[in-house]
Protein backbone atom coordinates (compact mmCIF):
# COMPACT_ATOMS: atom_id res chain seq x y z
CA MET A 1 -0.31 5.55 -2.25
CA LEU A 2 2.57 4.35 -3.41
CA ALA A 3 5.10 6.26 -2.01
CA ALA A 4 3.28 6.18 0.97
CA ALA A 5 3.14 2.63 1.36
CA PRO A 6 6.97 1.52 2.43
CA LEU A 7 6.94 4.30 4.40
CA LEU A 8 4.05 3.38 6.91
CA LEU A 9 5.26 -0.02 6.97
CA GLY A 10 8.20 1.45 7.83
CA VAL A 11 6.58 3.61 10.84
CA THR A 12 4.65 0.81 11.59
CA ARG A 13 7.31 -1.25 12.54
CA TRP A 14 9.63 1.91 14.22
CA LEU A 15 6.66 2.60 16.49
CA LYS A 16 6.41 -0.84 17.58
CA ALA A 17 9.79 -1.26 18.35
CA ARG A 18 9.76 2.38 20.32
CA LEU A 19 6.62 1.27 22.39
CA MET A 20 8.64 -2.36 23.65
CA GLY A 21 11.39 -0.03 24.43
CA ARG A 22 13.71 -0.82 21.50
CA ARG A 23 15.20 2.14 19.65
CA GLY A 24 14.15 0.08 15.83
CA ALA A 25 15.16 0.64 12.62
CA SER A 26 14.85 3.94 10.72
CA PRO A 27 11.04 4.37 9.19
CA LEU A 28 12.72 4.72 5.69
CA GLN A 29 14.36 0.74 6.06
CA PRO A 30 11.75 -0.72 3.89
CA LEU A 31 12.42 1.97 0.94
CA ARG A 32 15.98 0.52 1.51
CA ASP A 33 15.43 -2.94 1.40
CA LEU A 34 13.57 -2.39 -2.03
CA ASP A 35 15.77 -0.49 -3.40
CA LYS A 36 19.10 -3.17 -2.33
CA LEU A 37 16.50 -6.20 -3.33
CA LEU A 38 15.33 -3.97 -7.20
CA ARG A 39 19.24 -4.30 -8.08
CA LYS A 40 19.04 -7.95 -7.54
CA ARG A 41 18.03 -11.08 -9.72
CA PRO A 42 15.34 -13.66 -8.62
CA VAL A 43 17.16 -16.92 -7.89
CA LEU A 44 14.74 -19.40 -9.11
CA ALA A 45 14.69 -22.61 -7.95
CA GLU A 46 15.93 -26.02 -10.79
CA ASN A 47 11.93 -27.36 -10.05
CA ALA A 48 10.28 -24.10 -10.73
CA SER A 49 8.17 -23.35 -13.19
CA ILE A 50 6.46 -20.31 -15.00
CA VAL A 51 4.17 -19.89 -12.04
CA SER A 52 6.89 -18.47 -9.74
CA GLU A 53 8.08 -15.78 -12.56
CA ALA A 54 4.29 -14.97 -12.65
CA ALA A 55 3.29 -14.59 -9.30
CA PRO A 56 5.15 -11.87 -8.30
CA TYR A 57 3.78 -9.74 -10.86
CA VAL A 58 0.30 -11.38 -11.01
CA ALA A 59 -0.28 -10.31 -6.55
CA PHE A 60 1.54 -6.81 -7.01
CA ALA A 61 -0.91 -6.17 -9.95
CA ALA A 62 -3.86 -7.35 -7.91
CA CYS A 63 -2.42 -5.24 -5.12
CA LEU A 64 -1.94 -2.10 -7.32
CA LEU A 65 -4.95 -2.13 -8.95
CA ALA A 66 -7.39 -2.71 -5.13
CA ALA A 67 -4.96 0.15 -4.31
CA ALA A 68 -6.58 2.30 -6.87
CA LEU A 69 -9.92 1.84 -5.53
CA VAL A 70 -9.10 3.31 -2.63
CA PRO A 71 -10.38 6.87 -1.97
CA SER A 72 -7.17 8.52 -0.07
CA PHE A 73 -7.38 12.22 0.05
CA SER A 74 -10.04 13.02 -1.97
CA HIS A 75 -13.32 11.39 -3.41
CA GLY A 76 -14.03 11.30 -6.98
CA MET A 77 -10.88 10.10 -8.14
CA ALA A 78 -9.85 8.56 -11.28
CA PHE A 79 -10.84 4.94 -10.91
CA ALA A 80 -13.41 5.92 -7.88
CA PRO A 81 -16.49 4.58 -10.78
CA PHE A 82 -14.80 1.65 -10.27
CA ALA A 83 -14.32 1.06 -7.12
CA ASP A 84 -17.03 -1.18 -5.92
CA LEU A 85 -15.83 -3.33 -2.53
CA ILE A 86 -16.62 -6.81 -4.50
CA LEU A 87 -13.88 -6.04 -7.14
CA LEU A 88 -11.77 -4.88 -4.01
CA ALA A 89 -12.12 -8.88 -2.19
CA GLY A 90 -11.52 -10.17 -5.72
CA LEU A 91 -8.68 -8.49 -6.23
CA LEU A 92 -7.20 -9.39 -2.54
CA ALA A 93 -8.32 -12.53 -2.82
CA LEU A 94 -6.58 -12.61 -6.44
CA ALA A 95 -2.98 -11.61 -4.85
CA ARG A 96 -3.80 -14.19 -2.03
CA MET A 97 -4.20 -17.08 -4.87
CA ALA A 98 -1.28 -15.99 -6.73
CA LEU A 99 0.94 -16.01 -3.13
CA ALA A 100 -0.39 -19.17 -2.37
CA LEU A 101 0.26 -20.79 -5.92
CA ALA A 102 3.52 -19.53 -5.43
CA GLY A 103 4.27 -21.39 -2.13
CA MET A 104 3.00 -24.92 -3.41
CA ASP A 105 4.83 -24.77 -6.93
CA VAL A 106 8.48 -25.83 -5.64
CA GLY A 107 6.86 -28.69 -3.22
CA THR A 108 9.03 -27.78 -0.73
CA ALA A 109 7.39 -28.36 2.89
CA PHE A 110 7.16 -25.30 4.20
CA GLY A 111 5.55 -23.31 0.79
CA GLY A 112 3.28 -26.21 1.58
CA LEU A 113 2.50 -25.67 4.70
CA GLY A 114 2.10 -21.66 4.60
CA ALA A 115 -0.34 -22.14 1.33
CA ALA A 116 -2.63 -24.91 3.16
CA ARG A 117 -3.11 -21.89 6.22
CA GLU A 118 -3.50 -19.46 4.16
CA MET A 119 -6.22 -20.70 2.18
CA SER A 120 -8.16 -22.09 5.53
CA PHE A 121 -7.60 -18.45 6.90
CA ALA A 122 -9.29 -17.41 3.40
CA ALA A 123 -12.67 -19.52 4.07
CA PHE A 124 -13.34 -17.49 7.47
CA ALA A 125 -11.64 -14.39 6.20
CA GLU A 126 -13.71 -14.08 2.98
CA PRO A 127 -17.75 -14.69 3.73
CA ALA A 128 -16.17 -12.11 6.84
CA LEU A 129 -15.84 -10.08 4.76
CA LEU A 130 -18.43 -10.78 1.96
CA LEU A 131 -21.02 -9.92 4.94
CA SER A 132 -19.72 -6.50 5.85
CA VAL A 133 -19.57 -5.08 2.43
CA LEU A 134 -23.60 -6.48 2.63
CA ASN A 135 -24.09 -4.25 5.88
CA PHE A 136 -22.26 -0.99 4.21
CA THR A 137 -23.70 -1.81 1.13
CA ILE A 138 -27.96 -1.90 2.64
CA LEU A 139 -26.68 1.44 4.56
CA ALA A 140 -25.60 3.58 1.70
CA GLY A 141 -27.51 1.52 -1.16
CA ASN A 142 -24.39 0.85 -3.48
CA THR A 143 -21.28 -1.57 -3.13
CA ASN A 144 -19.56 1.67 -4.65
CA LEU A 145 -16.83 2.75 -1.93
CA ASP A 146 -16.53 6.34 -3.32
CA LEU A 147 -20.52 6.44 -2.29
CA ILE A 148 -20.60 4.32 1.16
CA ALA A 149 -17.61 6.77 2.31
CA ALA A 150 -19.68 9.93 1.23
CA THR A 151 -23.28 8.61 2.13
CA PHE A 152 -21.30 8.31 6.21
CA ARG A 153 -19.61 11.07 5.26
CA ASP A 154 -22.93 12.85 6.00
CA GLY A 155 -23.92 11.38 9.16
CA ALA A 156 -27.81 10.51 8.14
CA LEU A 157 -27.28 6.85 9.19
CA GLY A 158 -26.36 7.64 13.31
CA LEU A 159 -24.75 4.96 15.34
CA ARG A 160 -25.96 1.74 14.99
CA VAL A 161 -25.21 -1.81 16.45
CA SER A 162 -25.46 -3.41 13.31
CA LEU A 163 -22.35 -1.18 11.40
CA GLY A 164 -20.19 -1.70 14.98
CA LEU A 165 -20.46 -5.23 14.66
CA ALA A 166 -19.76 -5.06 11.19
CA ALA A 167 -16.48 -2.52 11.50
CA MET A 168 -14.90 -5.48 14.08
CA ALA A 169 -15.17 -8.00 11.79
CA MET A 170 -13.64 -5.80 9.00
CA LEU A 171 -11.06 -5.22 11.73
CA ALA A 172 -10.63 -8.41 12.30
CA VAL A 173 -10.45 -9.46 8.78
CA ALA A 174 -7.62 -6.51 8.31
CA ILE A 175 -5.64 -8.00 10.30
CA ALA A 176 -5.51 -11.32 9.23
CA GLU A 177 -5.52 -10.10 5.48
CA ASN A 178 -2.08 -8.55 6.22
CA GLY A 179 -0.41 -11.17 8.37
CA ARG A 180 0.03 -9.13 11.77
CA ILE A 181 -0.21 -10.12 15.47
CA PRO A 182 -1.85 -12.19 17.22
CA VAL A 183 -2.68 -13.89 13.51
CA ASP A 184 0.44 -13.85 11.99
CA ASN A 185 4.06 -12.32 12.73
CA PRO A 186 5.84 -10.43 9.91
CA SER A 187 8.85 -10.26 11.51
CA THR A 188 9.74 -14.08 12.70
CA HIS A 189 11.48 -16.68 10.40
CA LEU A 190 10.23 -19.55 12.81
CA GLU A 191 9.11 -21.98 10.79
CA LEU A 192 6.05 -24.24 12.75
CA THR A 193 4.31 -20.23 13.00
CA MET A 194 5.01 -19.06 9.85
CA VAL A 195 1.89 -18.12 7.52
CA HIS A 196 2.97 -15.55 5.23
CA GLU A 197 6.67 -15.58 5.43
CA ALA A 198 6.63 -19.60 4.47
CA MET A 199 5.31 -18.68 1.22
CA LEU A 200 8.20 -16.78 0.13
CA LEU A 201 11.72 -18.47 1.89
CA GLU A 202 12.06 -19.50 -1.95
CA SER A 203 11.70 -16.00 -3.78
CA SER A 204 14.34 -13.75 -3.88
CA GLY A 205 15.55 -10.24 -5.73
CA ARG A 206 13.00 -8.24 -7.40
CA HIS A 207 10.62 -11.10 -6.47
CA LEU A 208 10.83 -10.86 -3.27
CA ALA A 209 10.89 -7.07 -4.10
CA LEU A 210 7.57 -7.07 -5.34
CA TRP A 211 5.85 -9.66 -2.35
CA ASP A 212 7.26 -6.67 0.10
CA TYR A 213 6.11 -4.18 -1.87
CA GLY A 214 3.04 -5.48 -2.54
CA ALA A 215 2.41 -6.61 1.70
CA ALA A 216 2.86 -3.09 2.18
CA LEU A 217 0.81 -1.76 -0.46
CA ARG A 218 -2.13 -4.05 0.81
CA LEU A 219 -1.29 -2.50 4.69
CA THR A 220 -1.40 0.77 3.13
CA LEU A 221 -5.09 0.06 0.88
CA TRP A 222 -6.72 -1.24 4.52
CA LEU A 223 -5.61 1.52 6.56
CA SER A 224 -6.88 3.93 3.88
CA LEU A 225 -10.19 1.61 3.68
CA ILE A 226 -10.80 1.50 7.42
CA ALA A 227 -10.52 5.51 7.31
CA ALA A 228 -12.80 6.45 3.99
CA ILE A 229 -15.17 4.13 5.55
CA PHE A 230 -15.35 4.86 9.36
CA VAL A 231 -13.22 8.39 9.37
CA PRO A 232 -14.68 9.59 6.20
CA PHE A 233 -13.79 13.23 7.16
CA GLY A 234 -11.33 15.91 5.86
CA ALA A 235 -11.26 14.21 2.39
CA ALA A 236 -11.51 16.90 -0.98
CA PRO A 237 -14.87 17.01 -2.41
CA ALA A 238 -15.13 15.35 -5.77
CA GLY A 239 -14.10 18.44 -8.28
CA SER A 240 -12.23 20.39 -5.87
CA GLY A 241 -9.09 22.23 -6.71
CA PRO A 242 -5.66 21.80 -5.12
CA LEU A 243 -6.45 23.68 -1.96
CA ALA A 244 -8.56 21.21 -0.87
CA TRP A 245 -6.22 18.30 -2.53
CA ALA A 246 -3.97 19.75 0.04
CA ILE A 247 -5.66 19.87 3.08
CA GLY A 248 -7.23 15.98 1.94
CA LEU A 249 -4.01 14.47 1.77
CA LEU A 250 -2.83 16.52 5.21
CA ALA A 251 -5.89 14.84 7.01
CA TRP A 252 -5.47 11.44 5.44
CA LEU A 253 -1.56 11.80 6.67
CA LEU A 254 -2.87 12.22 10.09
CA LYS A 255 -5.51 8.85 9.94
CA MET A 256 -2.68 7.12 8.58
CA GLY A 257 -0.56 8.29 11.45
CA VAL A 258 -3.03 7.58 13.62
CA LEU A 259 -3.72 4.49 12.42
CA CYS A 260 -0.78 2.83 12.72
CA LEU A 261 0.40 4.31 16.05
CA ALA A 262 -3.39 2.37 16.91
CA LEU A 263 -2.52 -0.90 15.02
CA ALA A 264 2.19 -0.58 16.56
CA TRP A 265 0.57 -0.64 20.37
CA PHE A 266 -1.86 -3.53 19.53
CA GLU A 267 0.89 -5.25 17.90
CA SER A 268 3.26 -4.44 21.17
CA ALA A 269 0.09 -5.13 23.87
CA ILE A 270 -0.95 -8.23 22.86
CA ALA A 271 0.31 -12.02 22.14
CA LYS A 272 0.67 -14.01 18.76
CA MET A 273 -1.97 -16.90 19.21
CA ARG A 274 -1.41 -20.19 18.15
CA VAL A 275 -2.01 -21.20 14.35
CA PHE A 276 -5.48 -23.13 15.44
CA ARG A 277 -6.76 -20.61 16.77
CA VAL A 278 -6.75 -18.26 14.01
CA PRO A 279 -9.77 -20.26 12.70
CA GLU A 280 -11.68 -19.32 15.89
CA PHE A 281 -10.63 -15.78 15.66
CA LEU A 282 -11.60 -15.49 11.87
CA GLY A 283 -14.63 -17.73 12.67
CA ALA A 284 -16.13 -14.59 15.49
CA ALA A 285 -15.12 -11.91 12.99
CA LEU A 286 -17.59 -13.99 10.40
CA LEU A 287 -20.36 -14.48 13.31
CA LEU A 288 -20.23 -10.81 14.24
CA ALA A 289 -20.29 -9.65 10.63
CA LEU A 290 -23.06 -11.80 10.20
CA LEU A 291 -25.31 -11.03 13.24
CA GLY A 292 -24.85 -7.52 11.91
CA ALA A 293 -26.43 -8.14 8.56
CA ALA A 294 -29.45 -9.54 10.52
CA LEU A 295 -30.15 -6.99 12.84
CA LEU A 296 -29.77 -4.86 9.72
CA PHE A 297 -32.12 -6.49 7.84
CA VAL A 298 -34.71 -7.07 10.81
CA SER A 299 -34.15 -2.58 11.46
CA THR A 300 -34.99 -2.09 7.87
CA GLY A 301 -37.57 -4.24 7.08
CA LEU A 302 -35.72 -6.10 4.33
CA ALA A 303 -36.27 -10.06 6.58
């Protein structure tokens, strides 16, 4: 997943450019950018504290641990016993907090503006994510992501309205978490509309490389999470051999390619919404997750 993250980001950008009638940069461009930035020393503002120095490493470590928890091409991987969805949500929240603190540390107007917007969006996104996790937990009887994926793969649950509502809520949260259109535009530097990019204006060198690599990892883990829960087919069973791993890897790459194409098509077909409409978008995701949990409680007799 470490090697695939920049490539998936580059493929998504290239597909989006092609769908919009442009040639687009090479899918390898994110790797070249990371190599270039890692060779440069970061330049810090005079009033920057230890927060600006530590935040990129904390956020990258949190994204790296979160990515290690998500099953990709095989079940029963090294971190499978620790692949708890609650822990995953906590690691993503830690990365977001580190980014917001880095944006506010220097005291610039745009950094504080981006941090305030990020935290206000998180107030809606986190409850929606946790309610979606509640839906999956009730259906699978466990918060372990590996067990949830195995339960969904068996097909014993069938089609449920509550599961569809939770899926729509999780997709909305994934868009917001990754700063994708219509919530944010990762390719813009227009100050009045920036959210994620506004907090990175003071970053440079290897610090900026860590932020960019963490963003690519976050996109990859969300795509893998969606594939593991809703398209849990093709992954190698726990304890399988190299042949099953190779088949699982091919299946995972195919699913990632399809999801990247779907994301590129969605972003090229829809416009970015106003910043003040984002809470309404995430509020709708929260209501969908809450409605799904309520329907699930009623249908299972837990109410």
